[in-house]
Structure formats: C-alpha cells, structure tokens
Amino acid sequence: MAQAKAGDTVQVHYTGTLDDGTVFDSSAGRTPLEFTLGNGQVIPGFDNGIQGMSIGEKKTINIPVEDAYGPAIEDHVFSIERGEIPAEIPVEEGMTLNMHQDGSPQPIPVIVREVTETTVILDANHPLAGQDLTFEVELVGIN
C-alpha cells in the first residue's frame, strides 16, 4: 500500500484541538485539506505527521509549539494611541484588525488584546502561537 512521502499531494480530513480540548479548526463537513508534502504549505509538525501514512489510516498527531506556530513573541504585542484607528472602526477586545506596514502591500492581522480610553493593545502573533496542538487526522488521498 502506498505511503505518503515528500512531493506527494495529499488529501486529509482533520480536527485540531488545544490542550484543553477546544476545537480550533476542522474539515468536518468540508472537502479535505489538500497540500503537497514537504512544500511548507502547512506547519512542520502537521507535514511530518502525515508522512508515511497510508490511505484510510487515521492517527493522532501531537505537535509541540516549536513545530506548530512557534512561541508567542513579546515584541509582537504593542500599544498604539486610540486615535490612530479611524473613529468609524469599532474596536473591541478579541477582534482582529488588519494593519499595513509602511511600503508593504500585505496586511498584517493583529488581535485587539485591550482597549482603554486612550490606547489599544494589539498582538501580531499568530492566534495559535505559544500553543501545543493536537490533530486527529485521516489520510483520504495521495496523488
């Protein structure tokens, strides 16, 4: 039976959970996730966990922070003046905003961590940074 290896395009059904059991993403009810193994399209721990699997195989992949989205970086949390955000944009804790760095066309998503009368604390870390992740996966195709 064929096993998934670097360079193969694979299709995977998955459910991702945090240590406390919270589901943060799932392909349930959707088409399987398709990606090419070894091309850096998914986090390293997920990519490595799929390699060697056969079609129809199911398994649990435990991914430490270092092989997921990395540790949360303190310097990526910063404060700006409330007036720097246009007044017509409502700002609430937990919401995601897009910022633009000078000269870059790519927006940077930031999470609002705290809002006061005068300042807004923003976090540019990936929402899953600093988290160990667990995936229940099933390999459903290899091309």
C-alpha atoms as a PDB file:
ATOM      1  CA  MET A   1       0.000   0.000   0.000  1.00  0.00           C
ATOM      2  CA  ALA A   2       1.318   3.441  -0.959  1.00  0.00           C
ATOM      3  CA  GLN A   3       2.580   5.677   1.808  1.00  0.00           C
ATOM      4  CA  ALA A   4       2.590   9.477   1.707  1.00  0.00           C
ATOM      5  CA  LYS A   5       6.033  10.952   1.040  1.00  0.00           C
ATOM      6  CA  ALA A   6       7.610  14.335   0.283  1.00  0.00           C
ATOM      7  CA  GLY A   7       6.399  15.662  -3.058  1.00  0.00           C
ATOM      8  CA  ASP A   8       3.039  13.841  -2.914  1.00  0.00           C
ATOM      9  CA  THR A   9      -0.152  15.877  -2.993  1.00  0.00           C
ATOM     10  CA  VAL A  10      -2.336  14.527  -0.185  1.00  0.00           C
ATOM     11  CA  GLN A  11      -5.918  14.990   0.947  1.00  0.00           C
ATOM     12  CA  VAL A  12      -6.555  14.884   4.694  1.00  0.00           C
ATOM     13  CA  HIS A  13      -9.571  15.191   6.957  1.00  0.00           C
ATOM     14  CA  TYR A  14      -8.624  16.633  10.338  1.00  0.00           C
ATOM     15  CA  THR A  15      -9.795  18.120  13.612  1.00  0.00           C
ATOM     16  CA  GLY A  16      -7.381  20.371  15.505  1.00  0.00           C
ATOM     17  CA  THR A  17      -7.663  20.866  19.257  1.00  0.00           C
ATOM     18  CA  LEU A  18      -5.848  22.740  22.006  1.00  0.00           C
ATOM     19  CA  ASP A  19      -4.628  21.116  25.234  1.00  0.00           C
ATOM     20  CA  ASP A  20      -7.943  21.937  26.945  1.00  0.00           C
ATOM     21  CA  GLY A  21      -9.910  20.129  24.196  1.00  0.00           C
ATOM     22  CA  THR A  22     -11.117  23.280  22.428  1.00  0.00           C
ATOM     23  CA  VAL A  23     -11.554  22.640  18.701  1.00  0.00           C
ATOM     24  CA  PHE A  24      -9.869  25.444  16.746  1.00  0.00           C
ATOM     25  CA  ASP A  25     -10.354  24.034  13.233  1.00  0.00           C
ATOM     26  CA  SER A  26     -11.844  21.046  11.448  1.00  0.00           C
ATOM     27  CA  SER A  27     -12.515  19.829   7.933  1.00  0.00           C
ATOM     28  CA  ALA A  28     -15.748  18.128   9.078  1.00  0.00           C
ATOM     29  CA  GLY A  29     -18.482  18.838   6.551  1.00  0.00           C
ATOM     30  CA  ARG A  30     -15.979  20.312   4.082  1.00  0.00           C
ATOM     31  CA  THR A  31     -13.720  18.971   1.384  1.00  0.00           C
ATOM     32  CA  PRO A  32     -10.477  17.507   2.727  1.00  0.00           C
ATOM     33  CA  LEU A  33      -7.418  19.721   3.121  1.00  0.00           C
ATOM     34  CA  GLU A  34      -5.142  19.255   0.099  1.00  0.00           C
ATOM     35  CA  PHE A  35      -1.450  20.131   0.144  1.00  0.00           C
ATOM     36  CA  THR A  36       1.914  18.924  -1.133  1.00  0.00           C
ATOM     37  CA  LEU A  37       4.062  17.230   1.493  1.00  0.00           C
ATOM     38  CA  GLY A  38       7.396  18.928   2.126  1.00  0.00           C
ATOM     39  CA  ASN A  39       6.500  22.218   0.398  1.00  0.00           C
ATOM     40  CA  GLY A  40       5.949  24.263   3.569  1.00  0.00           C
ATOM     41  CA  GLN A  41       2.221  24.731   2.901  1.00  0.00           C
ATOM     42  CA  VAL A  42       1.277  23.580   6.421  1.00  0.00           C
ATOM     43  CA  ILE A  43       3.024  23.780   9.791  1.00  0.00           C
ATOM     44  CA  PRO A  44       6.054  21.460  10.088  1.00  0.00           C
ATOM     45  CA  GLY A  45       4.554  19.149  12.716  1.00  0.00           C
ATOM     46  CA  PHE A  46       1.448  18.528  10.599  1.00  0.00           C
ATOM     47  CA  ASP A  47       3.522  17.904   7.478  1.00  0.00           C
ATOM     48  CA  ASN A  48       5.828  15.483   9.310  1.00  0.00           C
ATOM     49  CA  GLY A  49       2.886  13.706  10.940  1.00  0.00           C
ATOM     50  CA  ILE A  50       1.259  12.881   7.589  1.00  0.00           C
ATOM     51  CA  GLN A  51       4.416  11.478   6.001  1.00  0.00           C
ATOM     52  CA  GLY A  52       4.392   7.691   5.981  1.00  0.00           C
ATOM     53  CA  MET A  53       0.609   7.380   6.350  1.00  0.00           C
ATOM     54  CA  SER A  54      -1.449   5.170   4.004  1.00  0.00           C
ATOM     55  CA  ILE A  55      -4.854   5.982   2.501  1.00  0.00           C
ATOM     56  CA  GLY A  56      -7.590   5.279   5.060  1.00  0.00           C
ATOM     57  CA  GLU A  57      -5.165   5.445   8.001  1.00  0.00           C
ATOM     58  CA  LYS A  58      -6.221   7.533  10.997  1.00  0.00           C
ATOM     59  CA  LYS A  59      -3.960   8.808  13.757  1.00  0.00           C
ATOM     60  CA  THR A  60      -3.392  11.461  16.391  1.00  0.00           C
ATOM     61  CA  ILE A  61      -0.590  13.954  15.801  1.00  0.00           C
ATOM     62  CA  ASN A  62       0.662  15.856  18.866  1.00  0.00           C
ATOM     63  CA  ILE A  63       2.563  18.958  17.773  1.00  0.00           C
ATOM     64  CA  PRO A  64       4.699  20.944  20.227  1.00  0.00           C
ATOM     65  CA  VAL A  65       4.843  24.744  19.983  1.00  0.00           C
ATOM     66  CA  GLU A  66       8.162  24.647  18.123  1.00  0.00           C
ATOM     67  CA  ASP A  67       6.686  22.576  15.265  1.00  0.00           C
ATOM     68  CA  ALA A  68       3.398  24.497  15.203  1.00  0.00           C
ATOM     69  CA  TYR A  69       3.247  28.320  15.137  1.00  0.00           C
ATOM     70  CA  GLY A  70       6.187  28.865  17.464  1.00  0.00           C
ATOM     71  CA  PRO A  71       6.273  30.662  20.792  1.00  0.00           C
ATOM     72  CA  ALA A  72       4.405  33.907  21.298  1.00  0.00           C
ATOM     73  CA  ILE A  73       6.871  36.773  20.856  1.00  0.00           C
ATOM     74  CA  GLU A  74       6.565  39.532  23.443  1.00  0.00           C
ATOM     75  CA  ASP A  75       7.762  42.214  20.987  1.00  0.00           C
ATOM     76  CA  HIS A  76       4.764  41.450  18.766  1.00  0.00           C
ATOM     77  CA  VAL A  77       2.435  42.860  21.432  1.00  0.00           C
ATOM     78  CA  PHE A  78       2.356  46.653  21.322  1.00  0.00           C
ATOM     79  CA  SER A  79       0.302  49.694  22.203  1.00  0.00           C
ATOM     80  CA  ILE A  80      -0.994  52.430  19.914  1.00  0.00           C
ATOM     81  CA  GLU A  81      -2.980  55.573  20.568  1.00  0.00           C
ATOM     82  CA  ARG A  82      -6.734  55.041  20.175  1.00  0.00           C
ATOM     83  CA  GLY A  83      -6.803  57.986  17.767  1.00  0.00           C
ATOM     84  CA  GLU A  84      -4.587  56.088  15.293  1.00  0.00           C
ATOM     85  CA  ILE A  85      -7.564  53.851  14.473  1.00  0.00           C
ATOM     86  CA  PRO A  86     -10.277  55.630  12.475  1.00  0.00           C
ATOM     87  CA  ALA A  87     -13.251  56.506  14.702  1.00  0.00           C
ATOM     88  CA  GLU A  88     -15.687  54.683  12.395  1.00  0.00           C
ATOM     89  CA  ILE A  89     -13.949  51.368  13.157  1.00  0.00           C
ATOM     90  CA  PRO A  90     -15.374  49.909  16.354  1.00  0.00           C
ATOM     91  CA  VAL A  91     -12.629  48.357  18.467  1.00  0.00           C
ATOM     92  CA  GLU A  92     -13.371  45.549  20.906  1.00  0.00           C
ATOM     93  CA  GLU A  93     -11.164  43.064  22.749  1.00  0.00           C
ATOM     94  CA  GLY A  94     -10.702  39.838  20.799  1.00  0.00           C
ATOM     95  CA  MET A  95     -11.434  41.258  17.375  1.00  0.00           C
ATOM     96  CA  THR A  96      -8.948  41.064  14.508  1.00  0.00           C
ATOM     97  CA  LEU A  97      -7.823  44.143  12.606  1.00  0.00           C
ATOM     98  CA  ASN A  98      -5.567  44.411   9.563  1.00  0.00           C
ATOM     99  CA  MET A  99      -2.613  46.784   9.755  1.00  0.00           C
ATOM    100  CA  HIS A 100      -0.336  47.887   6.960  1.00  0.00           C
ATOM    101  CA  GLN A 101       3.382  48.395   7.436  1.00  0.00           C
ATOM    102  CA  ASP A 102       4.984  51.250   5.544  1.00  0.00           C
ATOM    103  CA  GLY A 103       5.791  50.160   1.996  1.00  0.00           C
ATOM    104  CA  SER A 104       4.203  46.705   2.294  1.00  0.00           C
ATOM    105  CA  PRO A 105       1.042  45.856   0.352  1.00  0.00           C
ATOM    106  CA  GLN A 106       0.388  42.822   2.583  1.00  0.00           C
ATOM    107  CA  PRO A 107      -1.893  43.450   5.572  1.00  0.00           C
ATOM    108  CA  ILE A 108      -0.763  42.158   8.949  1.00  0.00           C
ATOM    109  CA  PRO A 109      -3.589  40.701  11.065  1.00  0.00           C
ATOM    110  CA  VAL A 110      -3.487  41.825  14.690  1.00  0.00           C
ATOM    111  CA  ILE A 111      -5.712  40.847  17.603  1.00  0.00           C
ATOM    112  CA  VAL A 112      -7.052  43.535  19.918  1.00  0.00           C
ATOM    113  CA  ARG A 113      -5.995  42.472  23.421  1.00  0.00           C
ATOM    114  CA  GLU A 114      -7.085  45.527  25.432  1.00  0.00           C
ATOM    115  CA  VAL A 115      -8.906  48.821  24.840  1.00  0.00           C
ATOM    116  CA  THR A 116      -8.769  51.868  27.102  1.00  0.00           C
ATOM    117  CA  GLU A 117      -9.923  55.445  26.581  1.00  0.00           C
ATOM    118  CA  THR A 118      -6.550  56.409  25.144  1.00  0.00           C
ATOM    119  CA  THR A 119      -4.750  53.262  23.981  1.00  0.00           C
ATOM    120  CA  VAL A 120      -5.283  49.972  22.199  1.00  0.00           C
ATOM    121  CA  ILE A 121      -3.006  46.989  22.843  1.00  0.00           C
ATOM    122  CA  LEU A 122      -2.500  44.870  19.727  1.00  0.00           C
ATOM    123  CA  ASP A 123      -0.977  41.415  19.284  1.00  0.00           C
ATOM    124  CA  ALA A 124       0.609  40.496  15.925  1.00  0.00           C
ATOM    125  CA  ASN A 125       1.445  36.923  16.989  1.00  0.00           C
ATOM    126  CA  HIS A 126      -0.405  34.131  15.173  1.00  0.00           C
ATOM    127  CA  PRO A 127      -3.529  33.316  17.238  1.00  0.00           C
ATOM    128  CA  LEU A 128      -2.146  29.814  17.894  1.00  0.00           C
ATOM    129  CA  ALA A 129       1.405  30.939  18.766  1.00  0.00           C
ATOM    130  CA  GLY A 130       2.561  29.529  22.082  1.00  0.00           C
ATOM    131  CA  GLN A 131       0.141  26.586  21.898  1.00  0.00           C
ATOM    132  CA  ASP A 132       0.784  22.855  21.640  1.00  0.00           C
ATOM    133  CA  LEU A 133      -1.662  21.432  19.081  1.00  0.00           C
ATOM    134  CA  THR A 134      -3.307  18.042  18.610  1.00  0.00           C
ATOM    135  CA  PHE A 135      -4.776  16.836  15.324  1.00  0.00           C
ATOM    136  CA  GLU A 136      -6.954  13.815  14.674  1.00  0.00           C
ATOM    137  CA  VAL A 137      -6.252  13.058  11.010  1.00  0.00           C
ATOM    138  CA  GLU A 138      -7.344  10.655   8.316  1.00  0.00           C
ATOM    139  CA  LEU A 139      -5.428  10.399   5.051  1.00  0.00           C
ATOM    140  CA  VAL A 140      -8.067  10.112   2.309  1.00  0.00           C
ATOM    141  CA  GLY A 141      -5.973  10.543  -0.841  1.00  0.00           C
ATOM    142  CA  ILE A 142      -2.472  10.577  -2.334  1.00  0.00           C
ATOM    143  CA  ASN A 143      -1.697  11.936  -5.818  1.00  0.00           C
END
